[in-house]
């Protein structure tokens, strides 16, 4: 495949280093399921600002942007951007910033990027500001229709997608050719060569769906039963590990042959090994977005708005999409890539059709009140931390 990213081996090495940091932090932070952390959104403020010149600090996930966009944005706007890859896991990041955010201190950040459920949680806690929509007309105008009204933020008052994607199966087609269902990961012939994600809302619903439970209708008991199943398969050695996107390294060397993983990882990994592929599980996949938000206390909201508008210009977003290979949230990107790289433009993992995702669901959280959610999260945390 023609691919803008030629240094995927470096990517894998970087992910390996990040894995140790993330796993240590997960042990420390716990589940973070409730809303008792000390704030509320009764008095949500609106982020205001005019001139974007000045410092812009962005917190995002690792290897989620190309190597040109930041410098080109700074040149275009006069901003000076510090782009930090310090979001390795939603709960880990929350544990790190919560002491500051609960006091109205953003830690110097003007943009953070977290997944849908965490975006909702942070808003409920009063940690993020609403948008001044007059400051981000380009971003709002170019957001694809399917992402304009999510249940947690139906008017996009405080969140704007950075990228979106699908959670399903990532396999070595040469070593695990018959893996089509999540339940195939529990086949004894793959014992010790299977990984799953530390993100509970990715892993557990897929396990439930494989056992005939609709994730959108699942009860607390359904969640706990799936977690018990995971525990059993950790204890018997079937599951090798729970990871972030660093499972790609083990898949490249063959020590992992199948995993629950993210769509963009598989597309990128094919650069080094064409036998790595993402597969739609028989029972469907989970759909999610990682969202840009402006935290309370952000020192430069004007630059945050300018950045959101900039990356929502189709030409600029196409440059990012070529690198990350996730589903682009921006209208017009496919048309740009059709001229530059038709193979990418026609990849269902980057521009999925409704038919392709017909059996998928938007990422879900456990049902119930905060105490019930916390119980489920703690049970899952106990599994992944051993």
Foldseek 3Di string as FASTA:
>chain_A
DDFPDQPVVVVLVVQVVVFVVVLVLLVVQFQPQFLPLAAFQPPAAEDDDDQQAEEAEEEAAPQQFDDPLQVVLCVVRNHDYDYHRPPQDLRSVCSVCSVQLNVLARVQHFKYKAWDVSVLSCNGRNFFHFYPCVLAVLQLVFFDPVPCADPSRGNSGFWGFPFKWWWAKKFQCVVCVPDAAPCVLQPVVQFLQEEEALHLLFGQCSQLLSVPDHSVPDALVSLVVSLVVLLVSVVVRSHNAHTGLSVLSCCLVPSHGMYGYIQLSQVSSCSVPVSIHGHAHPQAIEMITIIMGGTRNHPRNSSVSSSSSSCQPLVNVLNSCSRRVAADRGPPVLVVCCVVPVVSSPDCRHVNDCVRRVSYYYRDAHDDHSVSSSVSSNSNSVRRSD
